[in-house]
Amino acid sequence: GEGDPAWLRARVRPEALSGLLGLVNKGTISGSMAKDVFDKMVATGRS
C-alpha cells in the first residue's frame, strides 16, 4: 500500500538489490527463487 519510493529504499538499499540480481546473473539462484529472497529482504533487512 505504498506509492513512495522512499519506503522501498528504507527496506532494500539499491546496492542490496544489485547484489540479489547478481546472484541471478551468476546462476546461484533462479528468477523465481529470487522473488522469494526479495520478499525476505524487505521483511528482515538482510542481504
ModelCIF file with pLDDT and N, C-alpha, C, O atoms, coordinates in Angstrom:
data_MODEL
#
_entry.id   MODEL 
#
_entity.id                         1 
_entity.type                       polymer 
_entity.pdbx_number_of_molecules   1 
#
_entity_poly.entity_id                      1 
_entity_poly.type                           'polypeptide(L)' 
_entity_poly.nstd_linkage                   no 
_entity_poly.nstd_monomer                   no 
_entity_poly.pdbx_seq_one_letter_code       GEGDPAWLRARVRPEALSGLLGLVNKGTISGSMAKDVFDKMVATGRS 
_entity_poly.pdbx_seq_one_letter_code_can   GEGDPAWLRARVRPEALSGLLGLVNKGTISGSMAKDVFDKMVATGRS 
_entity_poly.pdbx_strand_id                 A 
#
loop_
_entity_poly_seq.entity_id 
_entity_poly_seq.num 
_entity_poly_seq.mon_id 
_entity_poly_seq.hetero 
1 1  GLY n 
1 2  GLU n 
1 3  GLY n 
1 4  ASP n 
1 5  PRO n 
1 6  ALA n 
1 7  TRP n 
1 8  LEU n 
1 9  ARG n 
1 10 ALA n 
1 11 ARG n 
1 12 VAL n 
1 13 ARG n 
1 14 PRO n 
1 15 GLU n 
1 16 ALA n 
1 17 LEU n 
1 18 SER n 
1 19 GLY n 
1 20 LEU n 
1 21 LEU n 
1 22 GLY n 
1 23 LEU n 
1 24 VAL n 
1 25 ASN n 
1 26 LYS n 
1 27 GLY n 
1 28 THR n 
1 29 ILE n 
1 30 SER n 
1 31 GLY n 
1 32 SER n 
1 33 MET n 
1 34 ALA n 
1 35 LYS n 
1 36 ASP n 
1 37 VAL n 
1 38 PHE n 
1 39 ASP n 
1 40 LYS n 
1 41 MET n 
1 42 VAL n 
1 43 ALA n 
1 44 THR n 
1 45 GLY n 
1 46 ARG n 
1 47 SER n 
#
_struct_asym.id          A 
_struct_asym.entity_id   1 
#
loop_
_ma_qa_metric.id 
_ma_qa_metric.mode 
_ma_qa_metric.name 
_ma_qa_metric.software_group_id 
_ma_qa_metric.type 
1 global pLDDT . pLDDT 
2 local  pLDDT . pLDDT 
#
_ma_qa_metric_global.metric_id      1 
_ma_qa_metric_global.metric_value   88.02 
_ma_qa_metric_global.model_id       1 
_ma_qa_metric_global.ordinal_id     1 
#
loop_
_ma_qa_metric_local.label_asym_id 
_ma_qa_metric_local.label_comp_id 
_ma_qa_metric_local.label_seq_id 
_ma_qa_metric_local.metric_id 
_ma_qa_metric_local.metric_value 
_ma_qa_metric_local.model_id 
_ma_qa_metric_local.ordinal_id 
A GLY 1  2 73.00 1 1  
A GLU 2  2 70.00 1 2  
A GLY 3  2 65.00 1 3  
A ASP 4  2 69.00 1 4  
A PRO 5  2 76.00 1 5  
A ALA 6  2 81.00 1 6  
A TRP 7  2 86.00 1 7  
A LEU 8  2 89.00 1 8  
A ARG 9  2 90.00 1 9  
A ALA 10 2 90.00 1 10 
A ARG 11 2 92.00 1 11 
A VAL 12 2 94.00 1 12 
A ARG 13 2 95.00 1 13 
A PRO 14 2 96.00 1 14 
A GLU 15 2 96.00 1 15 
A ALA 16 2 96.00 1 16 
A LEU 17 2 96.00 1 17 
A SER 18 2 96.00 1 18 
A GLY 19 2 96.00 1 19 
A LEU 20 2 95.00 1 20 
A LEU 21 2 95.00 1 21 
A GLY 22 2 93.00 1 22 
A LEU 23 2 91.00 1 23 
A VAL 24 2 87.00 1 24 
A ASN 25 2 87.00 1 25 
A LYS 26 2 83.00 1 26 
A GLY 27 2 78.00 1 27 
A THR 28 2 83.00 1 28 
A ILE 29 2 82.00 1 29 
A SER 30 2 79.00 1 30 
A GLY 31 2 82.00 1 31 
A SER 32 2 80.00 1 32 
A MET 33 2 84.00 1 33 
A ALA 34 2 90.00 1 34 
A LYS 35 2 91.00 1 35 
A ASP 36 2 90.00 1 36 
A VAL 37 2 92.00 1 37 
A PHE 38 2 93.00 1 38 
A ASP 39 2 92.00 1 39 
A LYS 40 2 93.00 1 40 
A MET 41 2 94.00 1 41 
A VAL 42 2 93.00 1 42 
A ALA 43 2 91.00 1 43 
A THR 44 2 93.00 1 44 
A GLY 45 2 92.00 1 45 
A ARG 46 2 94.00 1 46 
A SER 47 2 94.00 1 47 
#
loop_
_atom_site.group_PDB 
_atom_site.id 
_atom_site.type_symbol 
_atom_site.label_atom_id 
_atom_site.label_alt_id 
_atom_site.label_comp_id 
_atom_site.label_asym_id 
_atom_site.label_entity_id 
_atom_site.label_seq_id 
_atom_site.pdbx_PDB_ins_code 
_atom_site.Cartn_x 
_atom_site.Cartn_y 
_atom_site.Cartn_z 
_atom_site.occupancy 
_atom_site.B_iso_or_equiv 
_atom_site.pdbx_formal_charge 
_atom_site.auth_seq_id 
_atom_site.auth_comp_id 
_atom_site.auth_asym_id 
_atom_site.auth_atom_id 
_atom_site.pdbx_PDB_model_num 
ATOM 1   N N  . GLY A 1 1  ? 0.802  -1.214  0.000   1.00 73.00 ? 1  GLY A N  1 
ATOM 2   C CA . GLY A 1 1  ? 0.000  0.000   0.000   1.00 73.00 ? 1  GLY A CA 1 
ATOM 3   C C  . GLY A 1 1  ? 0.830  1.256   0.000   1.00 73.00 ? 1  GLY A C  1 
ATOM 4   O O  . GLY A 1 1  ? 0.379  2.309   0.451   1.00 73.00 ? 1  GLY A O  1 
ATOM 5   N N  . GLU A 1 2  ? 2.051  1.149   -0.509  1.00 70.00 ? 2  GLU A N  1 
ATOM 6   C CA . GLU A 1 2  ? 2.961  2.295   -0.514  1.00 70.00 ? 2  GLU A CA 1 
ATOM 7   C C  . GLU A 1 2  ? 3.228  2.733   -1.952  1.00 70.00 ? 2  GLU A C  1 
ATOM 8   O O  . GLU A 1 2  ? 3.501  1.904   -2.820  1.00 70.00 ? 2  GLU A O  1 
ATOM 9   N N  . GLY A 1 3  ? 3.147  4.040   -2.196  1.00 65.00 ? 3  GLY A N  1 
ATOM 10  C CA . GLY A 1 3  ? 3.493  4.560   -3.503  1.00 65.00 ? 3  GLY A CA 1 
ATOM 11  C C  . GLY A 1 3  ? 4.777  5.369   -3.476  1.00 65.00 ? 3  GLY A C  1 
ATOM 12  O O  . GLY A 1 3  ? 5.199  5.918   -4.495  1.00 65.00 ? 3  GLY A O  1 
ATOM 13  N N  . ASP A 1 4  ? 5.398  5.441   -2.302  1.00 69.00 ? 4  ASP A N  1 
ATOM 14  C CA . ASP A 1 4  ? 6.577  6.287   -2.127  1.00 69.00 ? 4  ASP A CA 1 
ATOM 15  C C  . ASP A 1 4  ? 7.840  5.456   -2.275  1.00 69.00 ? 4  ASP A C  1 
ATOM 16  O O  . ASP A 1 4  ? 8.036  4.512   -1.509  1.00 69.00 ? 4  ASP A O  1 
ATOM 17  N N  . PRO A 1 5  ? 8.713  5.776   -3.242  1.00 76.00 ? 5  PRO A N  1 
ATOM 18  C CA . PRO A 1 5  ? 9.967  5.029   -3.382  1.00 76.00 ? 5  PRO A CA 1 
ATOM 19  C C  . PRO A 1 5  ? 10.823 5.056   -2.124  1.00 76.00 ? 5  PRO A C  1 
ATOM 20  O O  . PRO A 1 5  ? 11.666 4.178   -1.938  1.00 76.00 ? 5  PRO A O  1 
ATOM 21  N N  . ALA A 1 6  ? 10.624 6.051   -1.252  1.00 81.00 ? 6  ALA A N  1 
ATOM 22  C CA . ALA A 1 6  ? 11.393 6.111   -0.005  1.00 81.00 ? 6  ALA A CA 1 
ATOM 23  C C  . ALA A 1 6  ? 11.090 4.900   0.876   1.00 81.00 ? 6  ALA A C  1 
ATOM 24  O O  . ALA A 1 6  ? 11.953 4.445   1.627   1.00 81.00 ? 6  ALA A O  1 
ATOM 25  N N  . TRP A 1 7  ? 9.873  4.382   0.786   1.00 86.00 ? 7  TRP A N  1 
ATOM 26  C CA . TRP A 1 7  ? 9.522  3.187   1.576   1.00 86.00 ? 7  TRP A CA 1 
ATOM 27  C C  . TRP A 1 7  ? 10.391 2.018   1.149   1.00 86.00 ? 7  TRP A C  1 
ATOM 28  O O  . TRP A 1 7  ? 10.897 1.270   1.986   1.00 86.00 ? 7  TRP A O  1 
ATOM 29  N N  . LEU A 1 8  ? 10.563 1.861   -0.163  1.00 89.00 ? 8  LEU A N  1 
ATOM 30  C CA . LEU A 1 8  ? 11.408 0.786   -0.690  1.00 89.00 ? 8  LEU A CA 1 
ATOM 31  C C  . LEU A 1 8  ? 12.859 0.982   -0.276  1.00 89.00 ? 8  LEU A C  1 
ATOM 32  O O  . LEU A 1 8  ? 13.514 0.042   0.174   1.00 89.00 ? 8  LEU A O  1 
ATOM 33  N N  . ARG A 1 9  ? 13.355 2.191   -0.426  1.00 90.00 ? 9  ARG A N  1 
ATOM 34  C CA . ARG A 1 9  ? 14.752 2.485   -0.123  1.00 90.00 ? 9  ARG A CA 1 
ATOM 35  C C  . ARG A 1 9  ? 15.078 2.202   1.344   1.00 90.00 ? 9  ARG A C  1 
ATOM 36  O O  . ARG A 1 9  ? 16.184 1.766   1.664   1.00 90.00 ? 9  ARG A O  1 
ATOM 37  N N  . ALA A 1 10 ? 14.118 2.448   2.231   1.00 90.00 ? 10 ALA A N  1 
ATOM 38  C CA . ALA A 1 10 ? 14.355 2.234   3.661   1.00 90.00 ? 10 ALA A CA 1 
ATOM 39  C C  . ALA A 1 10 ? 14.476 0.749   4.002   1.00 90.00 ? 10 ALA A C  1 
ATOM 40  O O  . ALA A 1 10 ? 15.030 0.398   5.043   1.00 90.00 ? 10 ALA A O  1 
ATOM 41  N N  . ARG A 1 11 ? 13.965 -0.120  3.138   1.00 92.00 ? 11 ARG A N  1 
ATOM 42  C CA . ARG A 1 11 ? 13.976 -1.554  3.432   1.00 92.00 ? 11 ARG A CA 1 
ATOM 43  C C  . ARG A 1 11 ? 15.023 -2.324  2.612   1.00 92.00 ? 11 ARG A C  1 
ATOM 44  O O  . ARG A 1 11 ? 15.663 -3.247  3.115   1.00 92.00 ? 11 ARG A O  1 
ATOM 45  N N  . VAL A 1 12 ? 15.183 -1.935  1.365   1.00 94.00 ? 12 VAL A N  1 
ATOM 46  C CA . VAL A 1 12 ? 16.169 -2.599  0.498   1.00 94.00 ? 12 VAL A CA 1 
ATOM 47  C C  . VAL A 1 12 ? 16.954 -1.508  -0.225  1.00 94.00 ? 12 VAL A C  1 
ATOM 48  O O  . VAL A 1 12 ? 16.433 -0.850  -1.126  1.00 94.00 ? 12 VAL A O  1 
ATOM 49  N N  . ARG A 1 13 ? 18.197 -1.325  0.172   1.00 95.00 ? 13 ARG A N  1 
ATOM 50  C CA . ARG A 1 13 ? 19.030 -0.331  -0.479  1.00 95.00 ? 13 ARG A CA 1 
ATOM 51  C C  . ARG A 1 13 ? 19.334 -0.755  -1.925  1.00 95.00 ? 13 ARG A C  1 
ATOM 52  O O  . ARG A 1 13 ? 19.337 -1.949  -2.223  1.00 95.00 ? 13 ARG A O  1 
ATOM 53  N N  . PRO A 1 14 ? 19.588 0.203   -2.822  1.00 96.00 ? 14 PRO A N  1 
ATOM 54  C CA . PRO A 1 14 ? 19.890 -0.155  -4.216  1.00 96.00 ? 14 PRO A CA 1 
ATOM 55  C C  . PRO A 1 14 ? 21.036 -1.152  -4.351  1.00 96.00 ? 14 PRO A C  1 
ATOM 56  O O  . PRO A 1 14 ? 20.977 -2.055  -5.186  1.00 96.00 ? 14 PRO A O  1 
ATOM 57  N N  . GLU A 1 15 ? 22.084 -0.995  -3.532  1.00 96.00 ? 15 GLU A N  1 
ATOM 58  C CA . GLU A 1 15 ? 23.204 -1.931  -3.630  1.00 96.00 ? 15 GLU A CA 1 
ATOM 59  C C  . GLU A 1 15 ? 22.808 -3.340  -3.190  1.00 96.00 ? 15 GLU A C  1 
ATOM 60  O O  . GLU A 1 15 ? 23.394 -4.324  -3.640  1.00 96.00 ? 15 GLU A O  1 
ATOM 61  N N  . ALA A 1 16 ? 21.798 -3.430  -2.295  1.00 96.00 ? 16 ALA A N  1 
ATOM 62  C CA . ALA A 1 16 ? 21.324 -4.751  -1.874  1.00 96.00 ? 16 ALA A CA 1 
ATOM 63  C C  . ALA A 1 16 ? 20.544 -5.424  -3.007  1.00 96.00 ? 16 ALA A C  1 
ATOM 64  O O  . ALA A 1 16 ? 20.674 -6.630  -3.221  1.00 96.00 ? 16 ALA A O  1 
ATOM 65  N N  . LEU A 1 17 ? 19.732 -4.644  -3.733  1.00 96.00 ? 17 LEU A N  1 
ATOM 66  C CA . LEU A 1 17 ? 19.022 -5.204  -4.885  1.00 96.00 ? 17 LEU A CA 1 
ATOM 67  C C  . LEU A 1 17 ? 20.016 -5.625  -5.960  1.00 96.00 ? 17 LEU A C  1 
ATOM 68  O O  . LEU A 1 17 ? 19.838 -6.663  -6.597  1.00 96.00 ? 17 LEU A O  1 
ATOM 69  N N  . SER A 1 18 ? 21.060 -4.826  -6.164  1.00 96.00 ? 18 SER A N  1 
ATOM 70  C CA . SER A 1 18 ? 22.091 -5.190  -7.135  1.00 96.00 ? 18 SER A CA 1 
ATOM 71  C C  . SER A 1 18 ? 22.735 -6.522  -6.764  1.00 96.00 ? 18 SER A C  1 
ATOM 72  O O  . SER A 1 18 ? 23.017 -7.346  -7.634  1.00 96.00 ? 18 SER A O  1 
ATOM 73  N N  . GLY A 1 19 ? 22.967 -6.729  -5.462  1.00 96.00 ? 19 GLY A N  1 
ATOM 74  C CA . GLY A 1 19 ? 23.537 -7.998  -5.004  1.00 96.00 ? 19 GLY A CA 1 
ATOM 75  C C  . GLY A 1 19 ? 22.628 -9.171  -5.297  1.00 96.00 ? 19 GLY A C  1 
ATOM 76  O O  . GLY A 1 19 ? 23.097 -10.237 -5.694  1.00 96.00 ? 19 GLY A O  1 
ATOM 77  N N  . LEU A 1 20 ? 21.332 -8.987  -5.106  1.00 95.00 ? 20 LEU A N  1 
ATOM 78  C CA . LEU A 1 20 ? 20.366 -10.048 -5.398  1.00 95.00 ? 20 LEU A CA 1 
ATOM 79  C C  . LEU A 1 20 ? 20.378 -10.398 -6.882  1.00 95.00 ? 20 LEU A C  1 
ATOM 80  O O  . LEU A 1 20 ? 20.417 -11.572 -7.250  1.00 95.00 ? 20 LEU A O  1 
ATOM 81  N N  . LEU A 1 21 ? 20.343 -9.371  -7.731  1.00 95.00 ? 21 LEU A N  1 
ATOM 82  C CA . LEU A 1 21 ? 20.307 -9.625  -9.169  1.00 95.00 ? 21 LEU A CA 1 
ATOM 83  C C  . LEU A 1 21 ? 21.620 -10.213 -9.665  1.00 95.00 ? 21 LEU A C  1 
ATOM 84  O O  . LEU A 1 21 ? 21.643 -10.929 -10.666 1.00 95.00 ? 21 LEU A O  1 
ATOM 85  N N  . GLY A 1 22 ? 22.714 -9.913  -8.969  1.00 93.00 ? 22 GLY A N  1 
ATOM 86  C CA . GLY A 1 22 ? 23.985 -10.537 -9.301  1.00 93.00 ? 22 GLY A CA 1 
ATOM 87  C C  . GLY A 1 22 ? 23.944 -12.038 -9.089  1.00 93.00 ? 22 GLY A C  1 
ATOM 88  O O  . GLY A 1 22 ? 24.533 -12.796 -9.861  1.00 93.00 ? 22 GLY A O  1 
ATOM 89  N N  . LEU A 1 23 ? 23.245 -12.473 -8.036  1.00 91.00 ? 23 LEU A N  1 
ATOM 90  C CA . LEU A 1 23 ? 23.098 -13.914 -7.786  1.00 91.00 ? 23 LEU A CA 1 
ATOM 91  C C  . LEU A 1 23 ? 22.291 -14.588 -8.893  1.00 91.00 ? 23 LEU A C  1 
ATOM 92  O O  . LEU A 1 23 ? 22.555 -15.733 -9.259  1.00 91.00 ? 23 LEU A O  1 
ATOM 93  N N  . VAL A 1 24 ? 21.303 -13.862 -9.421  1.00 87.00 ? 24 VAL A N  1 
ATOM 94  C CA . VAL A 1 24 ? 20.508 -14.402 -10.530 1.00 87.00 ? 24 VAL A CA 1 
ATOM 95  C C  . VAL A 1 24 ? 21.380 -14.531 -11.781 1.00 87.00 ? 24 VAL A C  1 
ATOM 96  O O  . VAL A 1 24 ? 21.357 -15.551 -12.469 1.00 87.00 ? 24 VAL A O  1 
ATOM 97  N N  . ASN A 1 25 ? 22.146 -13.477 -12.059 1.00 87.00 ? 25 ASN A N  1 
ATOM 98  C CA . ASN A 1 25 ? 23.009 -13.490 -13.244 1.00 87.00 ? 25 ASN A CA 1 
ATOM 99  C C  . ASN A 1 25 ? 24.042 -14.611 -13.194 1.00 87.00 ? 25 ASN A C  1 
ATOM 100 O O  . ASN A 1 25 ? 24.362 -15.216 -14.217 1.00 87.00 ? 25 ASN A O  1 
ATOM 101 N N  . LYS A 1 26 ? 24.567 -14.887 -11.986 1.00 83.00 ? 26 LYS A N  1 
ATOM 102 C CA . LYS A 1 26 ? 25.585 -15.926 -11.838 1.00 83.00 ? 26 LYS A CA 1 
ATOM 103 C C  . LYS A 1 26 ? 24.996 -17.329 -11.816 1.00 83.00 ? 26 LYS A C  1 
ATOM 104 O O  . LYS A 1 26 ? 25.729 -18.317 -11.858 1.00 83.00 ? 26 LYS A O  1 
ATOM 105 N N  . GLY A 1 27 ? 23.676 -17.415 -11.751 1.00 78.00 ? 27 GLY A N  1 
ATOM 106 C CA . GLY A 1 27 ? 23.040 -18.718 -11.696 1.00 78.00 ? 27 GLY A CA 1 
ATOM 107 C C  . GLY A 1 27 ? 22.996 -19.313 -10.308 1.00 78.00 ? 27 GLY A C  1 
ATOM 108 O O  . GLY A 1 27 ? 22.650 -20.483 -10.145 1.00 78.00 ? 27 GLY A O  1 
ATOM 109 N N  . THR A 1 28 ? 23.346 -18.517 -9.295  1.00 83.00 ? 28 THR A N  1 
ATOM 110 C CA . THR A 1 28 ? 23.312 -19.021 -7.921  1.00 83.00 ? 28 THR A CA 1 
ATOM 111 C C  . THR A 1 28 ? 21.888 -19.334 -7.497  1.00 83.00 ? 28 THR A C  1 
ATOM 112 O O  . THR A 1 28 ? 21.638 -20.333 -6.823  1.00 83.00 ? 28 THR A O  1 
ATOM 113 N N  . ILE A 1 29 ? 20.957 -18.478 -7.893  1.00 82.00 ? 29 ILE A N  1 
ATOM 114 C CA . ILE A 1 29 ? 19.535 -18.723 -7.629  1.00 82.00 ? 29 ILE A CA 1 
ATOM 115 C C  . ILE A 1 29 ? 18.763 -18.438 -8.914  1.00 82.00 ? 29 ILE A C  1 
ATOM 116 O O  . ILE A 1 29 ? 19.236 -17.709 -9.786  1.00 82.00 ? 29 ILE A O  1 
ATOM 117 N N  . SER A 1 30 ? 17.579 -19.019 -9.018  1.00 79.00 ? 30 SER A N  1 
ATOM 118 C CA . SER A 1 30 ? 16.732 -18.793 -10.196 1.00 79.00 ? 30 SER A CA 1 
ATOM 119 C C  . SER A 1 30 ? 15.924 -17.517 -10.005 1.00 79.00 ? 30 SER A C  1 
ATOM 120 O O  . SER A 1 30 ? 15.876 -16.953 -8.912  1.00 79.00 ? 30 SER A O  1 
ATOM 121 N N  . GLY A 1 31 ? 15.291 -17.073 -11.088 1.00 82.00 ? 31 GLY A N  1 
ATOM 122 C CA . GLY A 1 31 ? 14.469 -15.873 -11.003 1.00 82.00 ? 31 GLY A CA 1 
ATOM 123 C C  . GLY A 1 31 ? 13.309 -16.035 -10.044 1.00 82.00 ? 31 GLY A C  1 
ATOM 124 O O  . GLY A 1 31 ? 12.989 -15.109 -9.299  1.00 82.00 ? 31 GLY A O  1 
ATOM 125 N N  . SER A 1 32 ? 12.672 -17.199 -10.052 1.00 80.00 ? 32 SER A N  1 
ATOM 126 C CA . SER A 1 32 ? 11.537 -17.417 -9.146  1.00 80.00 ? 32 SER A CA 1 
ATOM 127 C C  . SER A 1 32 ? 11.999 -17.463 -7.700  1.00 80.00 ? 32 SER A C  1 
ATOM 128 O O  . SER A 1 32 ? 11.316 -16.946 -6.816  1.00 80.00 ? 32 SER A O  1 
ATOM 129 N N  . MET A 1 33 ? 13.160 -18.081 -7.445  1.00 84.00 ? 33 MET A N  1 
ATOM 130 C CA . MET A 1 33 ? 13.695 -18.098 -6.085  1.00 84.00 ? 33 MET A CA 1 
ATOM 131 C C  . MET A 1 33 ? 14.066 -16.681 -5.642  1.00 84.00 ? 33 MET A C  1 
ATOM 132 O O  . MET A 1 33 ? 13.910 -16.328 -4.473  1.00 84.00 ? 33 MET A O  1 
ATOM 133 N N  . ALA A 1 34 ? 14.560 -15.873 -6.588  1.00 90.00 ? 34 ALA A N  1 
ATOM 134 C CA . ALA A 1 34 ? 14.963 -14.509 -6.257  1.00 90.00 ? 34 ALA A CA 1 
ATOM 135 C C  . ALA A 1 34 ? 13.787 -13.693 -5.730  1.00 90.00 ? 34 ALA A C  1 
ATOM 136 O O  . ALA A 1 34 ? 13.967 -12.833 -4.868  1.00 90.00 ? 34 ALA A O  1 
ATOM 137 N N  . LYS A 1 35 ? 12.589 -13.954 -6.238  1.00 91.00 ? 35 LYS A N  1 
ATOM 138 C CA . LYS A 1 35 ? 11.413 -13.225 -5.756  1.00 91.00 ? 35 LYS A CA 1 
ATOM 139 C C  . LYS A 1 35 ? 11.148 -13.541 -4.288  1.00 91.00 ? 35 LYS A C  1 
ATOM 140 O O  . LYS A 1 35 ? 10.805 -12.654 -3.506  1.00 91.00 ? 35 LYS A O  1 
ATOM 141 N N  . ASP A 1 36 ? 11.309 -14.801 -3.921  1.00 90.00 ? 36 ASP A N  1 
ATOM 142 C CA . ASP A 1 36 ? 11.136 -15.174 -2.505  1.00 90.00 ? 36 ASP A CA 1 
ATOM 143 C C  . ASP A 1 36 ? 12.217 -14.529 -1.643  1.00 90.00 ? 36 ASP A C  1 
ATOM 144 O O  . ASP A 1 36 ? 11.946 -14.056 -0.539  1.00 90.00 ? 36 ASP A O  1 
ATOM 145 N N  . VAL A 1 37 ? 13.441 -14.517 -2.159  1.00 92.00 ? 37 VAL A N  1 
ATOM 146 C CA . VAL A 1 37 ? 14.540 -13.905 -1.418  1.00 92.00 ? 37 VAL A CA 1 
ATOM 147 C C  . VAL A 1 37 ? 14.279 -12.416 -1.230  1.00 92.00 ? 37 VAL A C  1 
ATOM 148 O O  . VAL A 1 37 ? 14.532 -11.865 -0.158  1.00 92.00 ? 37 VAL A O  1 
ATOM 149 N N  . PHE A 1 38 ? 13.772 -11.770 -2.275  1.00 93.00 ? 38 PHE A N  1 
ATOM 150 C CA . PHE A 1 38 ? 13.481 -10.337 -2.176  1.00 93.00 ? 38 PHE A CA 1 
ATOM 151 C C  . PHE A 1 38 ? 12.425 -10.067 -1.110  1.00 93.00 ? 38 PHE A C  1 
ATOM 152 O O  . PHE A 1 38 ? 12.556 -9.116  -0.339  1.00 93.00 ? 38 PHE A O  1 
ATOM 153 N N  . ASP A 1 39 ? 11.381 -10.892 -1.056  1.00 92.00 ? 39 ASP A N  1 
ATOM 154 C CA . ASP A 1 39 ? 10.357 -10.726 -0.011  1.00 92.00 ? 39 ASP A CA 1 
ATOM 155 C C  . ASP A 1 39 ? 10.984 -10.786 1.379   1.00 92.00 ? 39 ASP A C  1 
ATOM 156 O O  . ASP A 1 39 ? 10.616 -10.019 2.269   1.00 92.00 ? 39 ASP A O  1 
ATOM 157 N N  . LYS A 1 40 ? 11.935 -11.705 1.555   1.00 93.00 ? 40 LYS A N  1 
ATOM 158 C CA . LYS A 1 40 ? 12.593 -11.841 2.859   1.00 93.00 ? 40 LYS A CA 1 
ATOM 159 C C  . LYS A 1 40 ? 13.521 -10.662 3.138   1.00 93.00 ? 40 LYS A C  1 
ATOM 160 O O  . LYS A 1 40 ? 13.687 -10.260 4.290   1.00 93.00 ? 40 LYS A O  1 
ATOM 161 N N  . MET A 1 41 ? 14.127 -10.106 2.083   1.00 94.00 ? 41 MET A N  1 
ATOM 162 C CA . MET A 1 41 ? 14.952 -8.915  2.256   1.00 94.00 ? 41 MET A CA 1 
ATOM 163 C C  . MET A 1 41 ? 14.102 -7.742  2.750   1.00 94.00 ? 41 MET A C  1 
ATOM 164 O O  . MET A 1 41 ? 14.511 -7.008  3.649   1.00 94.00 ? 41 MET A O  1 
ATOM 165 N N  . VAL A 1 42 ? 12.915 -7.572  2.155   1.00 93.00 ? 42 VAL A N  1 
ATOM 166 C CA . VAL A 1 42 ? 12.010 -6.491  2.561   1.00 93.00 ? 42 VAL A CA 1 
ATOM 167 C C  . VAL A 1 42 ? 11.576 -6.679  4.013   1.00 93.00 ? 42 VAL A C  1 
ATOM 168 O O  . VAL A 1 42 ? 11.518 -5.723  4.785   1.00 93.00 ? 42 VAL A O  1 
ATOM 169 N N  . ALA A 1 43 ? 11.274 -7.925  4.369   1.00 91.00 ? 43 ALA A N  1 
ATOM 170 C CA . ALA A 1 43 ? 10.748 -8.197  5.710   1.00 91.00 ? 43 ALA A CA 1 
ATOM 171 C C  . ALA A 1 43 ? 11.809 -8.100  6.795   1.00 91.00 ? 43 ALA A C  1 
ATOM 172 O O  . ALA A 1 43 ? 11.507 -7.708  7.923   1.00 91.00 ? 43 ALA A O  1 
ATOM 173 N N  . THR A 1 44 ? 13.062 -8.457  6.463   1.00 93.00 ? 44 THR A N  1 
ATOM 174 C CA . THR A 1 44 ? 14.082 -8.573  7.514   1.00 93.00 ? 44 THR A CA 1 
ATOM 175 C C  . THR A 1 44 ? 15.223 -7.583  7.388   1.00 93.00 ? 44 THR A C  1 
ATOM 176 O O  . THR A 1 44 ? 15.932 -7.346  8.366   1.00 93.00 ? 44 THR A O  1 
ATOM 177 N N  . GLY A 1 45 ? 15.423 -7.001  6.222   1.00 92.00 ? 45 GLY A N  1 
ATOM 178 C CA . GLY A 1 45 ? 16.558 -6.119  6.019   1.00 92.00 ? 45 GLY A CA 1 
ATOM 179 C C  . GLY A 1 45 ? 17.872 -6.852  5.786   1.00 92.00 ? 45 GLY A C  1 
ATOM 180 O O  . GLY A 1 45 ? 18.918 -6.212  5.674   1.00 92.00 ? 45 GLY A O  1 
ATOM 181 N N  . ARG A 1 46 ? 17.842 -8.206  5.710   1.00 94.00 ? 46 ARG A N  1 
ATOM 182 C CA . ARG A 1 46 ? 19.065 -8.991  5.491   1.00 94.00 ? 46 ARG A CA 1 
ATOM 183 C C  . ARG A 1 46 ? 19.471 -8.938  4.023   1.00 94.00 ? 46 ARG A C  1 
ATOM 184 O O  . ARG A 1 46 ? 18.653 -8.638  3.153   1.00 94.00 ? 46 ARG A O  1 
ATOM 185 N N  . SER A 1 47 ? 20.739 -9.233  3.758   1.00 94.00 ? 47 SER A N  1 
ATOM 186 C CA . SER A 1 47 ? 21.228 -9.242  2.379   1.00 94.00 ? 47 SER A CA 1 
ATOM 187 C C  . SER A 1 47 ? 20.822 -10.531 1.691   1.00 94.00 ? 47 SER A C  1 
ATOM 188 O O  . SER A 1 47 ? 21.140 -10.732 0.519   1.00 94.00 ? 47 SER A O  1 
#
